[in-house]
Structure formats: C-alpha cells, structure tokens
Amino acid sequence: MSRPESNFGPRINDRIRITPVRLIDENGEMVGVVETDDARRRAAEAGLDLVEIAADVRPPVCKIMDFGKYKYELSKKDKAGKKSKGSEMKEVRLGRSMKIDPHDVEIRVNQALRFLLEGHKVQIVASYRGREMAHRQIGEAKVDDVVKKLCELGRLESAPKLAGKRLTAIIAPDRAKVESWKRKHPDHKANKAPEKADEPVDDMSDDETPSGGGERLQIPATASDQE
C-alpha cells in the first residue's frame, strides 16, 4: 500500500522514518538496501541530505543529494512546463472569404495580433462553398493581406495552402518584433480581452450588419498602408 505524499514535498533526513531504504549515493551509484540511520549518517558525512525519491515502493528509494539544488531544478522544470503550455495554436477564422465584410476582417486581424503578442501561433482559416471554389483567388488575396498585416509582429511559418475547401496559413510570433512593439507601447496590455470574433460569418445575409467592433490594435504602418 502506498504512503500518502507529504504536503511539503519529498521526505528528507529525519522525516524519513521507515527502515530500511534502498540507497543511491551522491554519485548516482546504487548502494543497495541499508538501514535508514546508516543512510542518514552517509549523507551527513558528505555534507548533503538524504531525500526519499520513491515513496511508493518497498523498501522506499532514497538518494543522497543537495536538497536545495534539487528543489531549484524542479522549480526550473515546472516553469519550463508552464511556459510551453502557455503557448498554443490559436485559430482565427475568416469564414467564407467571398462574403466576409472588411470590418470583420479587421476585427479578426486585431484578435490575431493580440494572440501573437501573447506568444501564441495563429492559424488563419478561410473557407469556400460550392461554386466559390471557381473564384478562390478572391479569398487567397484576403488571406495574403491578413498575413502581411500579421507579419508586423510575426513570421510566416506555413504559407497559405488549400486543403479541400479550407485555405490556411500559420504565423508564429517573432520575438524581436514583439519585444520591439512592447517597448514602443509600454502601457499596452497584451492579455486584454479581444473583440468577439470567434464565430465565422458564413450565414450572414446581405442585409445583416457585421458583428463585432472595436479599435484596431495599433501596429507600425506598412508601406502599403501609407499609400
């Protein structure tokens, strides 16, 4: 039966009560099964700690190590894991690229820029229906324009490509561009909630008003924007 783990991390030194233990020395060599008092004595002589690293086996496995350094390494791994989890692929859909309103495109560009500022990759998706495939160059032009705007903060990782009736492109954040932008805009909060633009406008009729709104995230103007 496994012992419940301590709320304060692995047991060390005098907190290890069970005996005997299977000991690993400070060089990573397996010593074998020894009495716990003997294991503690070895650790003390080495100026290190006796740490229980596997409590759910019998006898439990203990290792002689620098416990402070061990905790520091665990903390670094935990932070690295959280950082990798924080970065993910975000999908921004342009809906039916033949019908989407320019204002809705701007909302989605604004949303994608915020994702890039937060360190996420962005996948731009445009879709076609039926005979729209015969004029897919219209959607391609819109996707190319969106990609160009996003490359102010990112870099093109996967060029626009058609798979079935979906046209997709992937933009990854460019650290240098993002950091430069943040230095120029120190009051900007990247985690501010973006405008609601998650749902495509595929079924919008001609007399409906495009949804969403909001101010465009201010990024340095491109040459084409100034013309």
Protein backbone atom coordinates (compact mmCIF):
# COMPACT_ATOMS: atom_id res chain seq x y z
CA MET A 1 0.00 0.00 0.00
CA SER A 2 1.40 3.41 -1.00
CA ARG A 3 2.10 6.04 1.60
CA PRO A 4 0.43 9.41 1.01
CA GLU A 5 2.94 12.06 -0.05
CA SER A 6 3.77 14.89 2.30
CA ASN A 7 2.24 18.28 1.62
CA PHE A 8 5.72 19.72 1.92
CA GLY A 9 7.43 17.74 -0.84
CA PRO A 10 9.55 14.60 -0.51
CA ARG A 11 10.65 13.49 2.94
CA ILE A 12 14.24 14.31 3.82
CA ASN A 13 16.67 13.41 6.60
CA ASP A 14 14.89 12.90 9.97
CA ARG A 15 11.46 12.93 8.32
CA ILE A 16 12.27 9.56 6.75
CA ARG A 17 11.02 7.15 9.43
CA ILE A 18 10.72 3.84 7.62
CA THR A 19 13.68 1.48 7.59
CA PRO A 20 15.43 0.00 5.69
CA VAL A 21 15.69 2.02 2.48
CA ARG A 22 17.21 1.37 -0.92
CA LEU A 23 20.05 3.88 -1.14
CA ILE A 24 21.57 5.72 -4.08
CA ASP A 25 24.73 7.62 -3.19
CA GLU A 26 25.74 11.18 -4.16
CA ASN A 27 27.44 9.88 -7.33
CA GLY A 28 24.27 8.19 -8.57
CA GLU A 29 25.58 4.71 -7.72
CA MET A 30 23.18 2.16 -6.25
CA VAL A 31 24.40 1.20 -2.77
CA GLY A 32 21.60 -1.23 -2.03
CA VAL A 33 19.32 -1.78 0.95
CA VAL A 34 20.64 -0.20 4.14
CA GLU A 35 19.24 0.89 7.49
CA THR A 36 17.90 4.44 7.40
CA ASP A 37 20.19 5.57 10.23
CA ASP A 38 23.17 4.39 8.18
CA ALA A 39 21.88 6.21 5.10
CA ARG A 40 21.44 9.43 7.09
CA ARG A 41 24.95 9.07 8.50
CA ARG A 42 26.39 8.71 4.97
CA ALA A 43 24.51 11.82 3.84
CA ALA A 44 25.73 13.84 6.84
CA GLU A 45 29.33 12.80 6.23
CA ALA A 46 29.02 14.01 2.64
CA GLY A 47 27.53 17.32 3.82
CA LEU A 48 24.34 16.54 1.89
CA ASP A 49 20.75 15.43 2.50
CA LEU A 50 19.02 12.09 2.41
CA VAL A 51 15.98 12.50 0.15
CA GLU A 52 13.17 9.99 -0.37
CA ILE A 53 12.64 9.96 -4.15
CA ALA A 54 10.31 6.95 -4.45
CA ALA A 55 7.96 6.54 -1.50
CA ASP A 56 5.51 4.09 -3.08
CA VAL A 57 7.85 1.10 -3.29
CA ARG A 58 9.21 -1.18 -0.56
CA PRO A 59 11.80 -0.50 0.53
CA PRO A 60 11.47 3.20 -0.47
CA VAL A 61 14.26 4.60 -2.60
CA CYS A 62 16.37 7.38 -1.09
CA LYS A 63 19.18 9.37 -2.61
CA ILE A 64 22.00 11.41 -1.11
CA MET A 65 21.90 14.87 -2.70
CA ASP A 66 21.85 18.62 -2.21
CA PHE A 67 18.15 19.10 -1.50
CA GLY A 68 18.24 22.86 -2.10
CA LYS A 69 19.70 22.34 -5.55
CA TYR A 70 17.19 19.56 -6.19
CA LYS A 71 14.26 21.87 -5.41
CA TYR A 72 15.74 24.56 -7.64
CA GLU A 73 15.99 22.15 -10.58
CA LEU A 74 12.39 21.02 -10.02
CA SER A 75 11.28 24.65 -9.99
CA LYS A 76 13.06 25.31 -13.31
CA LYS A 77 11.39 22.29 -14.91
CA ASP A 78 7.98 23.38 -13.60
CA LYS A 79 8.41 26.88 -15.02
CA ALA A 80 9.55 25.48 -18.37
CA GLY A 81 6.50 23.22 -18.45
CA LYS A 82 4.14 26.11 -17.71
CA LYS A 83 5.77 28.22 -20.37
CA SER A 84 5.34 25.54 -23.02
CA LYS A 85 1.71 25.03 -22.02
CA GLY A 86 1.08 28.73 -22.28
CA SER A 87 2.00 28.77 -25.96
CA GLU A 88 -0.55 27.14 -28.24
CA MET A 89 -2.07 27.33 -31.68
CA LYS A 90 -4.93 29.82 -31.97
CA GLU A 91 -7.32 29.58 -34.90
CA VAL A 92 -8.75 32.75 -36.40
CA ARG A 93 -11.45 32.10 -38.97
CA LEU A 94 -12.30 34.42 -41.81
CA GLY A 95 -15.45 32.42 -42.53
CA ARG A 96 -16.50 32.46 -46.15
CA SER A 97 -13.79 34.65 -47.59
CA MET A 98 -16.02 35.59 -50.56
CA LYS A 99 -18.60 37.26 -48.28
CA ILE A 100 -16.80 38.44 -45.14
CA ASP A 101 -17.09 42.16 -44.53
CA PRO A 102 -13.84 44.21 -44.39
CA HIS A 103 -14.78 45.38 -40.89
CA ASP A 104 -14.98 41.77 -39.71
CA VAL A 105 -11.59 41.12 -41.29
CA GLU A 106 -10.14 43.98 -39.22
CA ILE A 107 -11.64 42.51 -36.04
CA ARG A 108 -10.02 39.17 -36.75
CA VAL A 109 -6.67 40.80 -37.59
CA ASN A 110 -6.87 42.64 -34.26
CA GLN A 111 -7.60 39.38 -32.45
CA ALA A 112 -4.74 37.57 -34.19
CA LEU A 113 -2.30 40.36 -33.33
CA ARG A 114 -3.20 40.02 -29.65
CA PHE A 115 -2.57 36.28 -29.84
CA LEU A 116 0.88 36.94 -31.34
CA LEU A 117 1.65 39.43 -28.56
CA GLU A 118 0.76 36.74 -26.02
CA GLY A 119 3.23 34.34 -27.67
CA HIS A 120 0.76 32.08 -29.50
CA LYS A 121 0.95 30.85 -33.06
CA VAL A 122 -2.01 31.82 -35.22
CA GLN A 123 -3.67 29.75 -37.92
CA ILE A 124 -5.70 31.82 -40.37
CA VAL A 125 -8.56 29.87 -41.95
CA ALA A 126 -10.77 30.87 -44.87
CA SER A 127 -13.44 28.58 -46.33
CA TYR A 128 -15.32 28.20 -49.60
CA ARG A 129 -18.68 26.77 -50.58
CA GLY A 130 -19.82 25.28 -53.83
CA ARG A 131 -19.10 27.45 -56.87
CA GLU A 132 -16.96 29.83 -54.79
CA MET A 133 -14.09 27.43 -55.47
CA ALA A 134 -14.04 28.75 -59.05
CA HIS A 135 -13.08 32.18 -57.69
CA ARG A 136 -10.87 31.17 -54.82
CA GLN A 137 -8.30 33.81 -55.81
CA ILE A 138 -10.52 36.35 -54.05
CA GLY A 139 -10.15 34.50 -50.76
CA GLU A 140 -6.45 33.97 -51.39
CA ALA A 141 -5.97 37.71 -51.80
CA LYS A 142 -7.72 38.39 -48.49
CA VAL A 143 -5.65 35.78 -46.67
CA ASP A 144 -2.45 37.20 -48.20
CA ASP A 145 -3.44 40.66 -46.97
CA VAL A 146 -4.13 39.36 -43.45
CA VAL A 147 -0.80 37.51 -43.39
CA LYS A 148 1.03 40.68 -44.47
CA LYS A 149 -0.50 42.63 -41.58
CA LEU A 150 0.27 39.91 -39.05
CA CYS A 151 3.89 39.71 -40.15
CA GLU A 152 4.40 43.08 -38.43
CA LEU A 153 4.53 41.01 -35.23
CA GLY A 154 5.15 37.52 -36.58
CA ARG A 155 6.75 35.45 -39.27
CA LEU A 156 5.13 33.21 -41.83
CA GLU A 157 5.63 29.61 -40.72
CA SER A 158 3.32 27.92 -43.20
CA ALA A 159 2.38 29.69 -46.44
CA PRO A 160 -1.31 29.76 -47.44
CA LYS A 161 -2.36 26.40 -48.81
CA LEU A 162 -5.65 24.87 -49.83
CA ALA A 163 -6.87 21.62 -48.25
CA GLY A 164 -10.29 20.66 -49.51
CA LYS A 165 -12.37 23.82 -49.16
CA ARG A 166 -10.21 25.37 -46.43
CA LEU A 167 -7.40 27.81 -47.10
CA THR A 168 -5.00 28.02 -44.16
CA ALA A 169 -1.81 29.85 -43.21
CA ILE A 170 0.21 29.76 -39.97
CA ILE A 171 2.00 32.76 -38.46
CA ALA A 172 4.35 32.36 -35.49
CA PRO A 173 5.24 35.23 -33.16
CA ASP A 174 8.58 36.89 -33.92
CA ARG A 175 10.18 37.55 -30.53
CA ALA A 176 12.26 40.50 -31.73
CA LYS A 177 9.29 42.21 -33.38
CA VAL A 178 7.03 41.57 -30.38
CA GLU A 179 9.58 42.89 -27.89
CA SER A 180 10.23 45.95 -30.05
CA TRP A 181 6.49 46.66 -30.26
CA LYS A 182 6.08 46.28 -26.49
CA ARG A 183 8.94 48.70 -25.83
CA LYS A 184 7.23 51.28 -28.01
CA HIS A 185 3.87 50.65 -26.30
CA PRO A 186 4.71 50.12 -22.59
CA ASP A 187 1.12 50.78 -21.48
CA HIS A 188 -0.35 48.11 -23.74
CA LYS A 189 -1.79 45.00 -22.06
CA ALA A 190 -1.40 42.02 -24.38
CA ASN A 191 -3.87 39.96 -22.38
CA LYS A 192 -6.71 42.42 -22.83
CA ALA A 193 -9.80 40.56 -23.98
CA PRO A 194 -10.00 40.74 -27.79
CA GLU A 195 -13.18 41.64 -29.59
CA LYS A 196 -15.67 38.83 -30.06
CA ALA A 197 -14.83 37.44 -33.48
CA ASP A 198 -14.58 33.71 -32.96
CA GLU A 199 -17.63 32.79 -34.97
CA PRO A 200 -17.42 32.88 -38.79
CA VAL A 201 -19.96 34.94 -40.71
CA ASP A 202 -20.81 32.16 -43.17
CA ASP A 203 -24.58 32.53 -42.88
CA MET A 204 -24.75 36.34 -42.80
CA SER A 205 -27.34 37.64 -45.20
CA ASP A 206 -26.68 40.70 -47.34
CA ASP A 207 -28.90 42.96 -45.22
CA GLU A 208 -27.37 41.99 -41.87
CA THR A 209 -24.88 44.21 -40.11
CA PRO A 210 -21.48 42.61 -39.43
CA SER A 211 -20.97 41.67 -35.80
CA GLY A 212 -18.22 42.93 -33.51
CA GLY A 213 -16.41 46.22 -33.31
CA GLY A 214 -13.53 47.90 -31.58
CA GLU A 215 -10.43 49.88 -32.20
CA ARG A 216 -7.71 48.35 -34.39
CA LEU A 217 -4.60 47.36 -32.46
CA GLN A 218 -2.07 49.99 -33.45
CA ILE A 219 0.99 48.49 -35.09
CA PRO A 220 3.59 50.26 -37.24
CA ALA A 221 2.14 51.06 -40.65
CA THR A 222 3.42 49.18 -43.69
CA ALA A 223 4.31 50.87 -46.92
CA SER A 224 1.08 49.62 -48.49
CA ASP A 225 -0.94 51.11 -45.63
CA GLN A 226 0.58 54.52 -46.28
CA GLU A 227 -0.21 54.57 -49.96
